Amino acid sequence: MFGFMLDETETPERSGQAVACRACHIKLAPRAPRVVDGEASYHRDCFEAVHRKRTGRRPTLVSTGHGDRLSFRLTA
């Protein structure tokens, strides 16, 4: 896997718990690129793999615009 996915540090993000990727269930590192889909968070690579498997093409992602360069969302 990738080095940024293996960071096991405890980082409180939501309600005092570390957030895990919905696809691979590994904790998200604080500075890892992530895709936010509603309440779910994914590693960017995991989300792209799941989306490509489901639709047959890469997703179009845009920045969330909250001043965070590492958070993305799926365009409509």
C-alpha atoms as a PDB file:
ATOM      1  CA  MET A   1       0.000   0.000   0.000  1.00  0.00           C
ATOM      2  CA  PHE A   2       0.986   3.610   0.214  1.00  0.00           C
ATOM      3  CA  GLY A   3       2.960   5.102   3.096  1.00  0.00           C
ATOM      4  CA  PHE A   4       0.405   7.789   3.920  1.00  0.00           C
ATOM      5  CA  MET A   5      -2.299   5.150   4.392  1.00  0.00           C
ATOM      6  CA  LEU A   6      -0.334   3.332   7.076  1.00  0.00           C
ATOM      7  CA  ASP A   7      -0.149   6.195   9.566  1.00  0.00           C
ATOM      8  CA  GLU A   8      -1.615   4.789  12.766  1.00  0.00           C
ATOM      9  CA  THR A   9      -1.619   8.015  14.784  1.00  0.00           C
ATOM     10  CA  GLU A  10      -4.791   8.890  16.622  1.00  0.00           C
ATOM     11  CA  THR A  11      -6.258  12.055  15.147  1.00  0.00           C
ATOM     12  CA  PRO A  12      -9.574  13.211  16.536  1.00  0.00           C
ATOM     13  CA  GLU A  13     -11.668  14.506  13.631  1.00  0.00           C
ATOM     14  CA  ARG A  14     -15.316  13.776  14.295  1.00  0.00           C
ATOM     15  CA  SER A  15     -16.726  13.332  17.759  1.00  0.00           C
ATOM     16  CA  GLY A  16     -13.331  12.389  19.195  1.00  0.00           C
ATOM     17  CA  GLN A  17     -12.747   9.362  16.951  1.00  0.00           C
ATOM     18  CA  ALA A  18     -10.299   8.822  14.094  1.00  0.00           C
ATOM     19  CA  VAL A  19     -11.988   8.455  10.709  1.00  0.00           C
ATOM     20  CA  ALA A  20     -11.462   5.244   8.744  1.00  0.00           C
ATOM     21  CA  CYS A  21     -11.779   4.760   4.995  1.00  0.00           C
ATOM     22  CA  ARG A  22     -15.157   3.266   4.099  1.00  0.00           C
ATOM     23  CA  ALA A  23     -13.593   1.025   1.416  1.00  0.00           C
ATOM     24  CA  CYS A  24     -10.459  -0.421   3.053  1.00  0.00           C
ATOM     25  CA  HIS A  25     -11.206   0.356   6.756  1.00  0.00           C
ATOM     26  CA  ILE A  26      -7.722   1.794   7.373  1.00  0.00           C
ATOM     27  CA  LYS A  27      -7.563   5.008   9.384  1.00  0.00           C
ATOM     28  CA  LEU A  28      -7.116   8.158   7.310  1.00  0.00           C
ATOM     29  CA  ALA A  29      -3.856   9.960   7.977  1.00  0.00           C
ATOM     30  CA  PRO A  30      -4.216  13.673   8.793  1.00  0.00           C
ATOM     31  CA  ARG A  31      -2.590  14.806   5.544  1.00  0.00           C
ATOM     32  CA  ALA A  32      -3.765  12.027   3.222  1.00  0.00           C
ATOM     33  CA  PRO A  33      -5.814  12.983   0.150  1.00  0.00           C
ATOM     34  CA  ARG A  34      -9.399  12.019   0.901  1.00  0.00           C
ATOM     35  CA  VAL A  35     -12.788  12.038  -0.787  1.00  0.00           C
ATOM     36  CA  VAL A  36     -15.751  13.105   1.322  1.00  0.00           C
ATOM     37  CA  ASP A  37     -19.062  11.625   0.183  1.00  0.00           C
ATOM     38  CA  GLY A  38     -21.780  12.755   2.578  1.00  0.00           C
ATOM     39  CA  GLU A  39     -20.756  11.445   5.986  1.00  0.00           C
ATOM     40  CA  ALA A  40     -18.373   8.822   4.532  1.00  0.00           C
ATOM     41  CA  SER A  41     -14.656   9.441   3.946  1.00  0.00           C
ATOM     42  CA  TYR A  42     -12.409   7.474   1.600  1.00  0.00           C
ATOM     43  CA  HIS A  43      -8.744   7.483   0.621  1.00  0.00           C
ATOM     44  CA  ARG A  44      -8.648   9.110  -2.812  1.00  0.00           C
ATOM     45  CA  ASP A  45      -7.115   5.987  -4.362  1.00  0.00           C
ATOM     46  CA  CYS A  46      -9.727   3.705  -2.759  1.00  0.00           C
ATOM     47  CA  PHE A  47     -12.590   5.897  -3.965  1.00  0.00           C
ATOM     48  CA  GLU A  48     -11.222   6.007  -7.505  1.00  0.00           C
ATOM     49  CA  ALA A  49     -10.836   2.216  -7.561  1.00  0.00           C
ATOM     50  CA  VAL A  50     -14.366   1.587  -6.248  1.00  0.00           C
ATOM     51  CA  HIS A  51     -15.895   4.141  -8.636  1.00  0.00           C
ATOM     52  CA  ARG A  52     -13.996   2.743 -11.630  1.00  0.00           C
ATOM     53  CA  LYS A  53     -15.071  -0.801 -10.770  1.00  0.00           C
ATOM     54  CA  ARG A  54     -18.696   0.326 -10.483  1.00  0.00           C
ATOM     55  CA  THR A  55     -18.911   2.612 -13.561  1.00  0.00           C
ATOM     56  CA  GLY A  56     -15.955   1.664 -15.760  1.00  0.00           C
ATOM     57  CA  ARG A  57     -14.385   5.145 -15.745  1.00  0.00           C
ATOM     58  CA  ARG A  58     -12.433   7.435 -13.429  1.00  0.00           C
ATOM     59  CA  PRO A  59     -14.431   9.852 -11.295  1.00  0.00           C
ATOM     60  CA  THR A  60     -14.233  13.607 -11.747  1.00  0.00           C
ATOM     61  CA  LEU A  61     -13.239  15.045  -8.378  1.00  0.00           C
ATOM     62  CA  VAL A  62     -13.144  18.695  -7.302  1.00  0.00           C
ATOM     63  CA  SER A  63     -11.775  20.335  -4.181  1.00  0.00           C
ATOM     64  CA  THR A  64     -14.265  20.852  -1.361  1.00  0.00           C
ATOM     65  CA  GLY A  65     -13.386  24.534  -1.220  1.00  0.00           C
ATOM     66  CA  HIS A  66     -13.044  24.702   2.569  1.00  0.00           C
ATOM     67  CA  GLY A  67      -9.445  25.873   2.303  1.00  0.00           C
ATOM     68  CA  ASP A  68      -8.289  22.260   2.500  1.00  0.00           C
ATOM     69  CA  ARG A  69      -6.264  21.097  -0.507  1.00  0.00           C
ATOM     70  CA  LEU A  70      -6.540  17.457   0.542  1.00  0.00           C
ATOM     71  CA  SER A  71     -10.333  17.023   0.568  1.00  0.00           C
ATOM     72  CA  PHE A  72     -12.274  16.272  -2.602  1.00  0.00           C
ATOM     73  CA  ARG A  73     -15.843  15.493  -3.595  1.00  0.00           C
ATOM     74  CA  LEU A  74     -17.440  13.854  -6.618  1.00  0.00           C
ATOM     75  CA  THR A  75     -18.907  16.228  -9.200  1.00  0.00           C
ATOM     76  CA  ALA A  76     -22.533  15.757 -10.200  1.00  0.00           C
END
